Amino acid sequence: MPQRAQNTPVCRDCDGFATVAITTGTRKQDGSRATLRATCSACKGTGRTAPVPVLARVGR
């Protein structure tokens, strides 16, 4: 029986890719590329968002 995927809300700003490595194009002394890390500021690097609380209307 296949497992069901969890219904976790994905961050709409980064589409779940919260941390990326950007290559600058320059090389270090050892020959490796210099990279920068960037994290999504909306989800703080988790890739998920907190569920939005549902407003309930009570009464008339």
N, C-alpha and C. Protein backbone atom coordinates (compact mmCIF):
# COMPACT_ATOMS: atom_id res chain seq x y z
N MET A 1 0.84 -1.17 0.00
CA MET A 1 0.00 0.00 0.00
C MET A 1 0.90 1.24 0.00
N PRO A 2 0.74 2.14 -0.94
CA PRO A 2 1.57 3.35 -0.95
C PRO A 2 1.24 4.27 0.23
N GLN A 3 2.26 4.92 0.70
CA GLN A 3 2.09 5.87 1.80
C GLN A 3 1.54 7.17 1.26
N ARG A 4 0.70 7.82 2.05
CA ARG A 4 0.18 9.13 1.67
C ARG A 4 1.20 10.20 2.01
N ALA A 5 1.34 11.15 1.15
CA ALA A 5 2.23 12.28 1.42
C ALA A 5 1.58 13.20 2.45
N GLN A 6 2.39 13.75 3.33
CA GLN A 6 1.86 14.66 4.32
C GLN A 6 1.42 15.95 3.64
N ASN A 7 0.35 16.50 4.13
CA ASN A 7 -0.16 17.75 3.57
C ASN A 7 0.45 18.91 4.35
N THR A 8 1.71 19.19 4.07
CA THR A 8 2.40 20.29 4.74
C THR A 8 2.43 21.50 3.82
N PRO A 9 2.03 22.66 4.32
CA PRO A 9 2.04 23.85 3.48
C PRO A 9 3.47 24.28 3.14
N VAL A 10 3.74 24.43 1.85
CA VAL A 10 5.06 24.83 1.37
C VAL A 10 5.10 26.35 1.30
N CYS A 11 6.25 26.92 1.63
CA CYS A 11 6.42 28.37 1.57
C CYS A 11 6.21 28.85 0.13
N ARG A 12 5.34 29.83 -0.05
CA ARG A 12 5.05 30.30 -1.40
C ARG A 12 6.14 31.22 -1.94
N ASP A 13 7.01 31.74 -1.07
CA ASP A 13 8.08 32.61 -1.55
C ASP A 13 9.24 31.82 -2.15
N CYS A 14 9.54 30.64 -1.58
CA CYS A 14 10.70 29.88 -2.06
C CYS A 14 10.31 28.52 -2.66
N ASP A 15 9.03 28.16 -2.66
CA ASP A 15 8.52 26.89 -3.18
C ASP A 15 9.20 25.67 -2.55
N GLY A 16 9.59 25.77 -1.29
CA GLY A 16 10.19 24.64 -0.59
C GLY A 16 11.70 24.57 -0.67
N PHE A 17 12.31 25.36 -1.53
CA PHE A 17 13.77 25.41 -1.64
C PHE A 17 14.26 26.58 -0.80
N ALA A 18 14.36 26.38 0.51
CA ALA A 18 14.60 27.48 1.43
C ALA A 18 16.06 27.94 1.47
N THR A 19 17.00 27.05 1.21
CA THR A 19 18.42 27.42 1.23
C THR A 19 19.03 27.10 -0.12
N VAL A 20 19.72 28.06 -0.70
CA VAL A 20 20.38 27.85 -1.99
C VAL A 20 21.84 28.26 -1.89
N ALA A 21 22.66 27.68 -2.74
CA ALA A 21 24.08 28.06 -2.84
C ALA A 21 24.28 28.75 -4.19
N ILE A 22 24.85 29.93 -4.15
CA ILE A 22 25.05 30.72 -5.36
C ILE A 22 26.55 30.78 -5.63
N THR A 23 26.95 30.36 -6.82
CA THR A 23 28.36 30.41 -7.20
C THR A 23 28.70 31.80 -7.70
N THR A 24 29.78 32.39 -7.16
CA THR A 24 30.16 33.74 -7.53
C THR A 24 30.98 33.80 -8.81
N GLY A 25 31.55 32.68 -9.21
CA GLY A 25 32.36 32.66 -10.42
C GLY A 25 33.85 32.79 -10.14
N THR A 26 34.22 33.24 -8.96
CA THR A 26 35.64 33.35 -8.62
C THR A 26 36.11 32.06 -7.96
N ARG A 27 37.41 31.85 -8.00
CA ARG A 27 37.99 30.65 -7.41
C ARG A 27 38.85 31.01 -6.20
N LYS A 28 38.89 30.08 -5.25
CA LYS A 28 39.74 30.24 -4.07
C LYS A 28 41.15 29.76 -4.39
N GLN A 29 42.05 29.87 -3.43
CA GLN A 29 43.44 29.44 -3.63
C GLN A 29 43.55 27.95 -3.92
N ASP A 30 42.66 27.14 -3.33
CA ASP A 30 42.74 25.69 -3.54
C ASP A 30 42.05 25.24 -4.84
N GLY A 31 41.46 26.14 -5.59
CA GLY A 31 40.84 25.83 -6.86
C GLY A 31 39.34 25.64 -6.80
N SER A 32 38.78 25.61 -5.62
CA SER A 32 37.33 25.44 -5.51
C SER A 32 36.62 26.78 -5.76
N ARG A 33 35.36 26.71 -6.11
CA ARG A 33 34.58 27.91 -6.38
C ARG A 33 34.10 28.56 -5.09
N ALA A 34 34.04 29.86 -5.08
CA ALA A 34 33.52 30.60 -3.93
C ALA A 34 32.00 30.65 -4.07
N THR A 35 31.29 30.27 -3.01
CA THR A 35 29.84 30.24 -3.04
C THR A 35 29.26 31.05 -1.88
N LEU A 36 28.05 31.54 -2.08
CA LEU A 36 27.30 32.25 -1.05
C LEU A 36 26.06 31.44 -0.73
N ARG A 37 25.66 31.41 0.54
CA ARG A 37 24.42 30.74 0.94
C ARG A 37 23.36 31.79 1.18
N ALA A 38 22.17 31.54 0.67
CA ALA A 38 21.04 32.44 0.88
C ALA A 38 19.87 31.63 1.41
N THR A 39 19.22 32.14 2.45
CA THR A 39 18.05 31.47 3.00
C THR A 39 16.83 32.35 2.82
N CYS A 40 15.68 31.72 2.72
CA CYS A 40 14.42 32.43 2.54
C CYS A 40 14.08 33.18 3.83
N SER A 41 13.79 34.44 3.71
CA SER A 41 13.48 35.23 4.91
C SER A 41 12.03 35.04 5.36
N ALA A 42 11.18 34.55 4.48
CA ALA A 42 9.77 34.36 4.85
C ALA A 42 9.58 33.15 5.75
N CYS A 43 10.27 32.04 5.45
CA CYS A 43 10.10 30.82 6.24
C CYS A 43 11.29 30.53 7.15
N LYS A 44 12.27 31.41 7.16
CA LYS A 44 13.47 31.28 8.01
C LYS A 44 14.27 30.01 7.69
N GLY A 45 14.25 29.57 6.45
CA GLY A 45 15.06 28.43 6.03
C GLY A 45 14.44 27.07 6.27
N THR A 46 13.17 26.98 6.60
CA THR A 46 12.54 25.68 6.84
C THR A 46 11.87 25.12 5.60
N GLY A 47 11.41 25.98 4.69
CA GLY A 47 10.73 25.53 3.49
C GLY A 47 9.24 25.34 3.68
N ARG A 48 8.76 25.52 4.91
CA ARG A 48 7.34 25.35 5.21
C ARG A 48 6.82 26.60 5.91
N THR A 49 5.54 26.80 5.81
CA THR A 49 4.92 27.91 6.51
C THR A 49 3.98 27.37 7.58
N ALA A 50 3.71 28.17 8.57
CA ALA A 50 2.78 27.78 9.62
C ALA A 50 1.37 27.84 9.06
N PRO A 51 0.52 26.91 9.47
CA PRO A 51 -0.86 26.96 8.99
C PRO A 51 -1.55 28.24 9.42
N VAL A 52 -2.34 28.78 8.54
CA VAL A 52 -3.07 30.00 8.83
C VAL A 52 -4.26 29.66 9.72
N PRO A 53 -4.42 30.38 10.83
CA PRO A 53 -5.56 30.07 11.68
C PRO A 53 -6.87 30.39 10.96
N VAL A 54 -7.82 29.52 11.15
CA VAL A 54 -9.12 29.67 10.49
C VAL A 54 -10.02 30.52 11.38
N LEU A 55 -10.62 31.53 10.77
CA LEU A 55 -11.55 32.37 11.50
C LEU A 55 -12.93 31.74 11.45
N ALA A 56 -13.54 31.59 12.59
CA ALA A 56 -14.89 31.02 12.66
C ALA A 56 -15.88 32.10 13.00
N ARG A 57 -16.99 32.10 12.31
CA ARG A 57 -18.03 33.07 12.59
C ARG A 57 -19.10 32.39 13.43
N VAL A 58 -19.35 32.97 14.59
CA VAL A 58 -20.31 32.39 15.51
C VAL A 58 -21.50 33.33 15.65
N GLY A 59 -22.67 32.77 15.69
CA GLY A 59 -23.85 33.60 15.86
C GLY A 59 -24.47 34.00 14.53
N ARG A 60 -25.19 35.05 14.57
CA ARG A 60 -25.87 35.51 13.36
C ARG A 60 -25.03 36.36 12.52
